């Protein structure tokens, strides 16, 4: 069983395996939920889902364009060769 140590400032370092499994990145917020399970108090730790609300704003730039990775790389390369800051 893994364990973590809490510092005097009540900070803890999470094991890398836990962070990878939950998709936790530096700066992410975690949700905690207290539950009673089998007469014992347990805490459930959840990584909040990513905020993708901004993605809809990019739709107008993507319409009519290929979403194949090769085409994206080519467009970026062409824009960089022209000196454009964005394709």
PDB file of N, CA and C in Angstrom:
ATOM      1  N   UNK A   1       0.844  -1.173   0.000  1.00  0.00           N
ATOM      2  CA  UNK A   1       0.000   0.000   0.000  1.00  0.00           C
ATOM      3  C   UNK A   1       0.892   1.240   0.000  1.00  0.00           C
ATOM      4  N   UNK A   2       0.562   2.205  -0.845  1.00  0.00           N
ATOM      5  CA  UNK A   2       1.303   3.467  -0.919  1.00  0.00           C
ATOM      6  C   UNK A   2       0.874   4.366   0.225  1.00  0.00           C
ATOM      7  N   UNK A   3       1.756   5.276   0.605  1.00  0.00           N
ATOM      8  CA  UNK A   3       1.408   6.261   1.627  1.00  0.00           C
ATOM      9  C   UNK A   3       2.012   7.598   1.239  1.00  0.00           C
ATOM     10  N   UNK A   4       1.456   8.669   1.802  1.00  0.00           N
ATOM     11  CA  UNK A   4       1.987  10.009   1.588  1.00  0.00           C
ATOM     12  C   UNK A   4       2.200  10.650   2.954  1.00  0.00           C
ATOM     13  N   UNK A   5       3.092  11.603   3.011  1.00  0.00           N
ATOM     14  CA  UNK A   5       3.387  12.318   4.240  1.00  0.00           C
ATOM     15  C   UNK A   5       2.871  13.737   4.112  1.00  0.00           C
ATOM     16  N   UNK A   6       2.224  14.216   5.148  1.00  0.00           N
ATOM     17  CA  UNK A   6       1.704  15.583   5.173  1.00  0.00           C
ATOM     18  C   UNK A   6       2.720  16.445   5.917  1.00  0.00           C
ATOM     19  N   UNK A   7       3.101  17.573   5.315  1.00  0.00           N
ATOM     20  CA  UNK A   7       4.077  18.465   5.931  1.00  0.00           C
ATOM     21  C   UNK A   7       3.413  19.342   6.987  1.00  0.00           C
ATOM     22  N   UNK A   8       4.220  20.139   7.669  1.00  0.00           N
ATOM     23  CA  UNK A   8       3.703  21.072   8.679  1.00  0.00           C
ATOM     24  C   UNK A   8       2.731  22.077   8.063  1.00  0.00           C
ATOM     25  N   UNK A   9       2.885  22.352   6.786  1.00  0.00           N
ATOM     26  CA  UNK A   9       1.971  23.267   6.085  1.00  0.00           C
ATOM     27  C   UNK A   9       0.752  22.540   5.515  1.00  0.00           C
ATOM     28  N   UNK A  10       0.586  21.277   5.887  1.00  0.00           N
ATOM     29  CA  UNK A  10      -0.508  20.419   5.419  1.00  0.00           C
ATOM     30  C   UNK A  10      -0.447  20.187   3.911  1.00  0.00           C
ATOM     31  N   UNK A  11       0.733  20.107   3.382  1.00  0.00           N
ATOM     32  CA  UNK A  11       0.933  19.808   1.976  1.00  0.00           C
ATOM     33  C   UNK A  11       1.376  18.354   1.844  1.00  0.00           C
ATOM     34  N   UNK A  12       1.022  17.763   0.710  1.00  0.00           N
ATOM     35  CA  UNK A  12       1.397  16.378   0.460  1.00  0.00           C
ATOM     36  C   UNK A  12       1.766  16.218  -1.009  1.00  0.00           C
ATOM     37  N   UNK A  13       2.650  15.295  -1.289  1.00  0.00           N
ATOM     38  CA  UNK A  13       3.018  14.970  -2.659  1.00  0.00           C
ATOM     39  C   UNK A  13       2.317  13.671  -3.025  1.00  0.00           C
ATOM     40  N   UNK A  14       1.558  13.709  -4.121  1.00  0.00           N
ATOM     41  CA  UNK A  14       0.835  12.522  -4.562  1.00  0.00           C
ATOM     42  C   UNK A  14       1.752  11.628  -5.387  1.00  0.00           C
ATOM     43  N   UNK A  15       1.616  10.328  -5.254  1.00  0.00           N
ATOM     44  CA  UNK A  15       2.440   9.413  -6.060  1.00  0.00           C
ATOM     45  C   UNK A  15       2.182   9.621  -7.552  1.00  0.00           C
ATOM     46  N   UNK A  16       3.216   9.498  -8.340  1.00  0.00           N
ATOM     47  CA  UNK A  16       3.114   9.716  -9.779  1.00  0.00           C
ATOM     48  C   UNK A  16       2.066   8.788 -10.402  1.00  0.00           C
ATOM     49  N   UNK A  17       1.979   7.547  -9.912  1.00  0.00           N
ATOM     50  CA  UNK A  17       1.001   6.600 -10.467  1.00  0.00           C
ATOM     51  C   UNK A  17      -0.427   7.110 -10.289  1.00  0.00           C
ATOM     52  N   UNK A  18      -0.709   7.707  -9.127  1.00  0.00           N
ATOM     53  CA  UNK A  18      -2.045   8.250  -8.870  1.00  0.00           C
ATOM     54  C   UNK A  18      -2.329   9.417  -9.802  1.00  0.00           C
ATOM     55  N   UNK A  19      -1.357  10.302  -9.941  1.00  0.00           N
ATOM     56  CA  UNK A  19      -1.535  11.460 -10.823  1.00  0.00           C
ATOM     57  C   UNK A  19      -1.772  11.031 -12.264  1.00  0.00           C
ATOM     58  N   UNK A  20      -1.010  10.043 -12.721  1.00  0.00           N
ATOM     59  CA  UNK A  20      -1.182   9.562 -14.095  1.00  0.00           C
ATOM     60  C   UNK A  20      -2.548   8.920 -14.278  1.00  0.00           C
ATOM     61  N   UNK A  21      -2.963   8.110 -13.307  1.00  0.00           N
ATOM     62  CA  UNK A  21      -4.251   7.422 -13.418  1.00  0.00           C
ATOM     63  C   UNK A  21      -5.416   8.401 -13.420  1.00  0.00           C
ATOM     64  N   UNK A  22      -5.328   9.443 -12.596  1.00  0.00           N
ATOM     65  CA  UNK A  22      -6.414  10.432 -12.523  1.00  0.00           C
ATOM     66  C   UNK A  22      -6.258  11.560 -13.534  1.00  0.00           C
ATOM     67  N   UNK A  23      -5.128  11.598 -14.227  1.00  0.00           N
ATOM     68  CA  UNK A  23      -4.894  12.675 -15.191  1.00  0.00           C
ATOM     69  C   UNK A  23      -4.631  14.008 -14.518  1.00  0.00           C
ATOM     70  N   UNK A  24      -4.009  13.974 -13.342  1.00  0.00           N
ATOM     71  CA  UNK A  24      -3.746  15.196 -12.580  1.00  0.00           C
ATOM     72  C   UNK A  24      -2.477  15.855 -13.106  1.00  0.00           C
ATOM     73  N   UNK A  25      -2.574  17.145 -13.381  1.00  0.00           N
ATOM     74  CA  UNK A  25      -1.444  17.949 -13.832  1.00  0.00           C
ATOM     75  C   UNK A  25      -1.182  19.036 -12.792  1.00  0.00           C
ATOM     76  N   UNK A  26       0.033  19.588 -12.759  1.00  0.00           N
ATOM     77  CA  UNK A  26       0.300  20.683 -11.829  1.00  0.00           C
ATOM     78  C   UNK A  26      -0.705  21.822 -12.005  1.00  0.00           C
ATOM     79  N   UNK A  27      -1.226  22.312 -10.904  1.00  0.00           N
ATOM     80  CA  UNK A  27      -2.204  23.403 -10.943  1.00  0.00           C
ATOM     81  C   UNK A  27      -3.651  22.947 -11.011  1.00  0.00           C
ATOM     82  N   UNK A  28      -3.887  21.651 -11.250  1.00  0.00           N
ATOM     83  CA  UNK A  28      -5.263  21.139 -11.304  1.00  0.00           C
ATOM     84  C   UNK A  28      -5.925  21.240  -9.937  1.00  0.00           C
ATOM     85  N   UNK A  29      -7.230  21.376  -9.948  1.00  0.00           N
ATOM     86  CA  UNK A  29      -8.015  21.355  -8.718  1.00  0.00           C
ATOM     87  C   UNK A  29      -8.601  19.961  -8.561  1.00  0.00           C
ATOM     88  N   UNK A  30      -8.634  19.481  -7.325  1.00  0.00           N
ATOM     89  CA  UNK A  30      -9.188  18.167  -7.033  1.00  0.00           C
ATOM     90  C   UNK A  30     -10.451  18.328  -6.205  1.00  0.00           C
ATOM     91  N   UNK A  31     -11.393  17.437  -6.415  1.00  0.00           N
ATOM     92  CA  UNK A  31     -12.622  17.423  -5.630  1.00  0.00           C
ATOM     93  C   UNK A  31     -12.523  16.313  -4.588  1.00  0.00           C
ATOM     94  N   UNK A  32     -12.934  16.617  -3.374  1.00  0.00           N
ATOM     95  CA  UNK A  32     -12.933  15.643  -2.286  1.00  0.00           C
ATOM     96  C   UNK A  32     -14.361  15.433  -1.827  1.00  0.00           C
ATOM     97  N   UNK A  33     -14.693  14.189  -1.545  1.00  0.00           N
ATOM     98  CA  UNK A  33     -16.035  13.854  -1.071  1.00  0.00           C
ATOM     99  C   UNK A  33     -15.904  12.911   0.122  1.00  0.00           C
ATOM    100  N   UNK A  34     -16.554  13.266   1.220  1.00  0.00           N
ATOM    101  CA  UNK A  34     -16.515  12.449   2.432  1.00  0.00           C
ATOM    102  C   UNK A  34     -17.685  11.478   2.404  1.00  0.00           C
ATOM    103  N   UNK A  35     -17.392  10.201   2.697  1.00  0.00           N
ATOM    104  CA  UNK A  35     -18.441   9.175   2.724  1.00  0.00           C
ATOM    105  C   UNK A  35     -18.218   8.236   3.905  1.00  0.00           C
ATOM    106  N   UNK A  36     -19.302   7.582   4.302  1.00  0.00           N
ATOM    107  CA  UNK A  36     -19.229   6.507   5.287  1.00  0.00           C
ATOM    108  C   UNK A  36     -19.357   5.209   4.518  1.00  0.00           C
ATOM    109  N   UNK A  37     -18.418   4.313   4.738  1.00  0.00           N
ATOM    110  CA  UNK A  37     -18.403   3.048   4.017  1.00  0.00           C
ATOM    111  C   UNK A  37     -18.061   1.941   5.011  1.00  0.00           C
ATOM    112  N   UNK A  38     -18.999   1.059   5.227  1.00  0.00           N
ATOM    113  CA  UNK A  38     -18.776  -0.039   6.165  1.00  0.00           C
ATOM    114  C   UNK A  38     -18.445   0.446   7.568  1.00  0.00           C
ATOM    115  N   UNK A  39     -19.088   1.520   8.010  1.00  0.00           N
ATOM    116  CA  UNK A  39     -18.849   2.064   9.339  1.00  0.00           C
ATOM    117  C   UNK A  39     -17.558   2.865   9.461  1.00  0.00           C
ATOM    118  N   UNK A  40     -16.893   3.091   8.345  1.00  0.00           N
ATOM    119  CA  UNK A  40     -15.625   3.819   8.357  1.00  0.00           C
ATOM    120  C   UNK A  40     -15.756   5.057   7.481  1.00  0.00           C
ATOM    121  N   UNK A  41     -15.103   6.141   7.859  1.00  0.00           N
ATOM    122  CA  UNK A  41     -15.100   7.347   7.040  1.00  0.00           C
ATOM    123  C   UNK A  41     -14.006   7.225   5.985  1.00  0.00           C
ATOM    124  N   UNK A  42     -14.392   7.444   4.741  1.00  0.00           N
ATOM    125  CA  UNK A  42     -13.425   7.428   3.636  1.00  0.00           C
ATOM    126  C   UNK A  42     -13.573   8.724   2.845  1.00  0.00           C
ATOM    127  N   UNK A  43     -12.528   9.095   2.170  1.00  0.00           N
ATOM    128  CA  UNK A  43     -12.557  10.286   1.318  1.00  0.00           C
ATOM    129  C   UNK A  43     -12.333   9.848  -0.122  1.00  0.00           C
ATOM    130  N   UNK A  44     -13.143  10.379  -0.994  1.00  0.00           N
ATOM    131  CA  UNK A  44     -13.030  10.088  -2.425  1.00  0.00           C
ATOM    132  C   UNK A  44     -12.350  11.289  -3.075  1.00  0.00           C
ATOM    133  N   UNK A  45     -11.336  11.023  -3.852  1.00  0.00           N
ATOM    134  CA  UNK A  45     -10.550  12.047  -4.527  1.00  0.00           C
ATOM    135  C   UNK A  45     -10.837  11.961  -6.017  1.00  0.00           C
ATOM    136  N   UNK A  46     -11.244  13.087  -6.603  1.00  0.00           N
ATOM    137  CA  UNK A  46     -11.543  13.117  -8.042  1.00  0.00           C
ATOM    138  C   UNK A  46     -10.818  14.289  -8.688  1.00  0.00           C
ATOM    139  N   UNK A  47     -10.266  14.035  -9.840  1.00  0.00           N
ATOM    140  CA  UNK A  47      -9.713  15.124 -10.636  1.00  0.00           C
ATOM    141  C   UNK A  47     -10.871  15.730 -11.412  1.00  0.00           C
ATOM    142  N   UNK A  48     -10.967  17.041 -11.376  1.00  0.00           N
ATOM    143  CA  UNK A  48     -12.009  17.696 -12.169  1.00  0.00           C
ATOM    144  C   UNK A  48     -11.694  17.486 -13.638  1.00  0.00           C
ATOM    145  N   UNK A  49     -12.739  17.374 -14.418  1.00  0.00           N
ATOM    146  CA  UNK A  49     -12.530  17.262 -15.860  1.00  0.00           C
ATOM    147  C   UNK A  49     -11.962  18.560 -16.410  1.00  0.00           C
ATOM    148  N   UNK A  50     -11.278  18.468 -17.492  1.00  0.00           N
ATOM    149  CA  UNK A  50     -10.735  19.659 -18.138  1.00  0.00           C
ATOM    150  C   UNK A  50     -11.862  20.559 -18.624  1.00  0.00           C
ATOM    151  N   UNK A  51     -11.613  21.866 -18.622  1.00  0.00           N
ATOM    152  CA  UNK A  51     -12.589  22.837 -19.110  1.00  0.00           C
ATOM    153  C   UNK A  51     -12.378  23.013 -20.611  1.00  0.00           C
ATOM    154  N   UNK A  52     -13.245  22.396 -21.379  1.00  0.00           N
ATOM    155  CA  UNK A  52     -13.167  22.485 -22.837  1.00  0.00           C
ATOM    156  C   UNK A  52     -14.186  23.470 -23.400  1.00  0.00           C
ATOM    157  N   UNK A  53     -14.778  24.328 -22.565  1.00  0.00           N
ATOM    158  CA  UNK A  53     -15.828  25.241 -23.018  1.00  0.00           C
ATOM    159  C   UNK A  53     -15.332  26.200 -24.099  1.00  0.00           C
ATOM    160  N   UNK A  54     -14.058  26.522 -24.090  1.00  0.00           N
ATOM    161  CA  UNK A  54     -13.491  27.436 -25.068  1.00  0.00           C
ATOM    162  C   UNK A  54     -13.414  26.834 -26.465  1.00  0.00           C
ATOM    163  N   UNK A  55     -13.487  25.514 -26.554  1.00  0.00           N
ATOM    164  CA  UNK A  55     -13.257  24.837 -27.818  1.00  0.00           C
ATOM    165  C   UNK A  55     -14.284  25.222 -28.887  1.00  0.00           C
ATOM    166  N   UNK A  56     -15.522  25.471 -28.485  1.00  0.00           N
ATOM    167  CA  UNK A  56     -16.556  25.852 -29.449  1.00  0.00           C
ATOM    168  C   UNK A  56     -16.203  27.120 -30.200  1.00  0.00           C
ATOM    169  N   UNK A  57     -15.463  28.010 -29.568  1.00  0.00           N
ATOM    170  CA  UNK A  57     -15.052  29.256 -30.209  1.00  0.00           C
ATOM    171  C   UNK A  57     -14.087  29.029 -31.363  1.00  0.00           C
ATOM    172  N   UNK A  58     -13.438  27.890 -31.396  1.00  0.00           N
ATOM    173  CA  UNK A  58     -12.485  27.586 -32.466  1.00  0.00           C
ATOM    174  C   UNK A  58     -13.158  26.946 -33.674  1.00  0.00           C
ATOM    175  N   UNK A  59     -14.436  26.605 -33.528  1.00  0.00           N
ATOM    176  CA  UNK A  59     -15.139  25.901 -34.599  1.00  0.00           C
ATOM    177  C   UNK A  59     -15.081  26.648 -35.926  1.00  0.00           C
ATOM    178  N   UNK A  60     -15.269  27.967 -35.917  1.00  0.00           N
ATOM    179  CA  UNK A  60     -15.297  28.716 -37.180  1.00  0.00           C
ATOM    180  C   UNK A  60     -13.959  28.664 -37.904  1.00  0.00           C
ATOM    181  N   UNK A  61     -12.852  28.498 -37.166  1.00  0.00           N
ATOM    182  CA  UNK A  61     -11.539  28.408 -37.793  1.00  0.00           C
ATOM    183  C   UNK A  61     -11.282  27.022 -38.375  1.00  0.00           C
ATOM    184  N   UNK A  62     -12.011  26.024 -37.890  1.00  0.00           N
ATOM    185  CA  UNK A  62     -11.775  24.646 -38.309  1.00  0.00           C
ATOM    186  C   UNK A  62     -12.692  24.193 -39.436  1.00  0.00           C
ATOM    187  N   UNK A  63     -13.807  24.903 -39.641  1.00  0.00           N
ATOM    188  CA  UNK A  63     -14.775  24.481 -40.650  1.00  0.00           C
ATOM    189  C   UNK A  63     -14.151  24.468 -42.037  1.00  0.00           C
ATOM    190  N   UNK A  64     -14.385  23.379 -42.739  1.00  0.00           N
ATOM    191  CA  UNK A  64     -13.908  23.253 -44.107  1.00  0.00           C
ATOM    192  C   UNK A  64     -12.437  22.897 -44.223  1.00  0.00           C
ATOM    193  N   UNK A  65     -11.769  22.663 -43.095  1.00  0.00           N
ATOM    194  CA  UNK A  65     -10.351  22.327 -43.121  1.00  0.00           C
ATOM    195  C   UNK A  65     -10.165  20.870 -42.707  1.00  0.00           C
ATOM    196  N   UNK A  66      -9.106  20.280 -43.214  1.00  0.00           N
ATOM    197  CA  UNK A  66      -8.798  18.895 -42.871  1.00  0.00           C
ATOM    198  C   UNK A  66      -8.341  18.812 -41.417  1.00  0.00           C
ATOM    199  N   UNK A  67      -8.739  17.741 -40.750  1.00  0.00           N
ATOM    200  CA  UNK A  67      -8.318  17.521 -39.370  1.00  0.00           C
ATOM    201  C   UNK A  67      -7.305  16.371 -39.287  1.00  0.00           C
ATOM    202  N   UNK A  68      -6.797  15.962 -40.437  1.00  0.00           N
ATOM    203  CA  UNK A  68      -5.763  14.931 -40.447  1.00  0.00           C
ATOM    204  C   UNK A  68      -4.464  15.539 -39.935  1.00  0.00           C
ATOM    205  N   UNK A  69      -3.750  14.811 -39.088  1.00  0.00           N
ATOM    206  CA  UNK A  69      -2.539  15.325 -38.469  1.00  0.00           C
ATOM    207  C   UNK A  69      -1.501  15.768 -39.513  1.00  0.00           C
ATOM    208  N   UNK A  70      -1.365  15.010 -40.579  1.00  0.00           N
ATOM    209  CA  UNK A  70      -0.397  15.357 -41.612  1.00  0.00           C
ATOM    210  C   UNK A  70      -0.719  16.721 -42.225  1.00  0.00           C
ATOM    211  N   UNK A  71      -2.013  16.988 -42.443  1.00  0.00           N
ATOM    212  CA  UNK A  71      -2.422  18.270 -43.020  1.00  0.00           C
ATOM    213  C   UNK A  71      -2.197  19.419 -42.046  1.00  0.00           C
ATOM    214  N   UNK A  72      -2.406  19.153 -40.777  1.00  0.00           N
ATOM    215  CA  UNK A  72      -2.173  20.179 -39.753  1.00  0.00           C
ATOM    216  C   UNK A  72      -0.690  20.523 -39.696  1.00  0.00           C
ATOM    217  N   UNK A  73       0.159  19.499 -39.671  1.00  0.00           N
ATOM    218  CA  UNK A  73       1.603  19.743 -39.648  1.00  0.00           C
ATOM    219  C   UNK A  73       2.054  20.524 -40.876  1.00  0.00           C
ATOM    220  N   UNK A  74       1.515  20.155 -42.044  1.00  0.00           N
ATOM    221  CA  UNK A  74       1.876  20.853 -43.277  1.00  0.00           C
ATOM    222  C   UNK A  74       1.472  22.315 -43.212  1.00  0.00           C
ATOM    223  N   UNK A  75       0.261  22.596 -42.748  1.00  0.00           N
ATOM    224  CA  UNK A  75      -0.227  23.977 -42.656  1.00  0.00           C
ATOM    225  C   UNK A  75       0.632  24.799 -41.695  1.00  0.00           C
ATOM    226  N   UNK A  76       1.035  24.188 -40.586  1.00  0.00           N
ATOM    227  CA  UNK A  76       1.890  24.894 -39.624  1.00  0.00           C
ATOM    228  C   UNK A  76       3.247  25.192 -40.255  1.00  0.00           C
ATOM    229  N   UNK A  77       3.817  24.189 -40.949  1.00  0.00           N
ATOM    230  CA  UNK A  77       5.103  24.381 -41.610  1.00  0.00           C
ATOM    231  C   UNK A  77       5.040  25.481 -42.658  1.00  0.00           C
ATOM    232  N   UNK A  78       3.971  25.507 -43.445  1.00  0.00           N
ATOM    233  CA  UNK A  78       3.820  26.546 -44.467  1.00  0.00           C
ATOM    234  C   UNK A  78       3.699  27.923 -43.831  1.00  0.00           C
ATOM    235  N   UNK A  79       2.934  28.013 -42.760  1.00  0.00           N
ATOM    236  CA  UNK A  79       2.763  29.302 -42.079  1.00  0.00           C
ATOM    237  C   UNK A  79       4.077  29.783 -41.480  1.00  0.00           C
ATOM    238  N   UNK A  80       4.849  28.851 -40.910  1.00  0.00           N
ATOM    239  CA  UNK A  80       6.138  29.233 -40.330  1.00  0.00           C
ATOM    240  C   UNK A  80       7.100  29.706 -41.416  1.00  0.00           C
ATOM    241  N   UNK A  81       7.052  29.063 -42.588  1.00  0.00           N
ATOM    242  CA  UNK A  81       7.931  29.457 -43.691  1.00  0.00           C
ATOM    243  C   UNK A  81       7.573  30.853 -44.190  1.00  0.00           C
ATOM    244  N   UNK A  82       6.287  31.210 -44.113  1.00  0.00           N
ATOM    245  CA  UNK A  82       5.857  32.562 -44.509  1.00  0.00           C
ATOM    246  C   UNK A  82       6.130  33.586 -43.426  1.00  0.00           C
ATOM    247  N   UNK A  83       6.438  33.097 -42.219  1.00  0.00           N
ATOM    248  CA  UNK A  83       6.672  34.017 -41.104  1.00  0.00           C
ATOM    249  C   UNK A  83       5.386  34.409 -40.382  1.00  0.00           C
ATOM    250  N   UNK A  84       4.278  33.708 -40.682  1.00  0.00           N
ATOM    251  CA  UNK A  84       3.022  33.990 -40.015  1.00  0.00           C
ATOM    252  C   UNK A  84       3.107  33.554 -38.562  1.00  0.00           C
ATOM    253  N   UNK A  85       2.438  34.284 -37.704  1.00  0.00           N
ATOM    254  CA  UNK A  85       2.392  33.884 -36.297  1.00  0.00           C
ATOM    255  C   UNK A  85       1.338  32.821 -36.093  1.00  0.00           C
ATOM    256  N   UNK A  86       0.329  32.770 -36.927  1.00  0.00           N
ATOM    257  CA  UNK A  86      -0.686  31.723 -36.834  1.00  0.00           C
ATOM    258  C   UNK A  86      -1.199  31.407 -38.233  1.00  0.00           C
ATOM    259  N   UNK A  87      -1.456  30.130 -38.534  1.00  0.00           N
ATOM    260  CA  UNK A  87      -1.898  29.747 -39.877  1.00  0.00           C
ATOM    261  C   UNK A  87      -3.330  30.174 -40.141  1.00  0.00           C
TER     262      UNK A  87
END
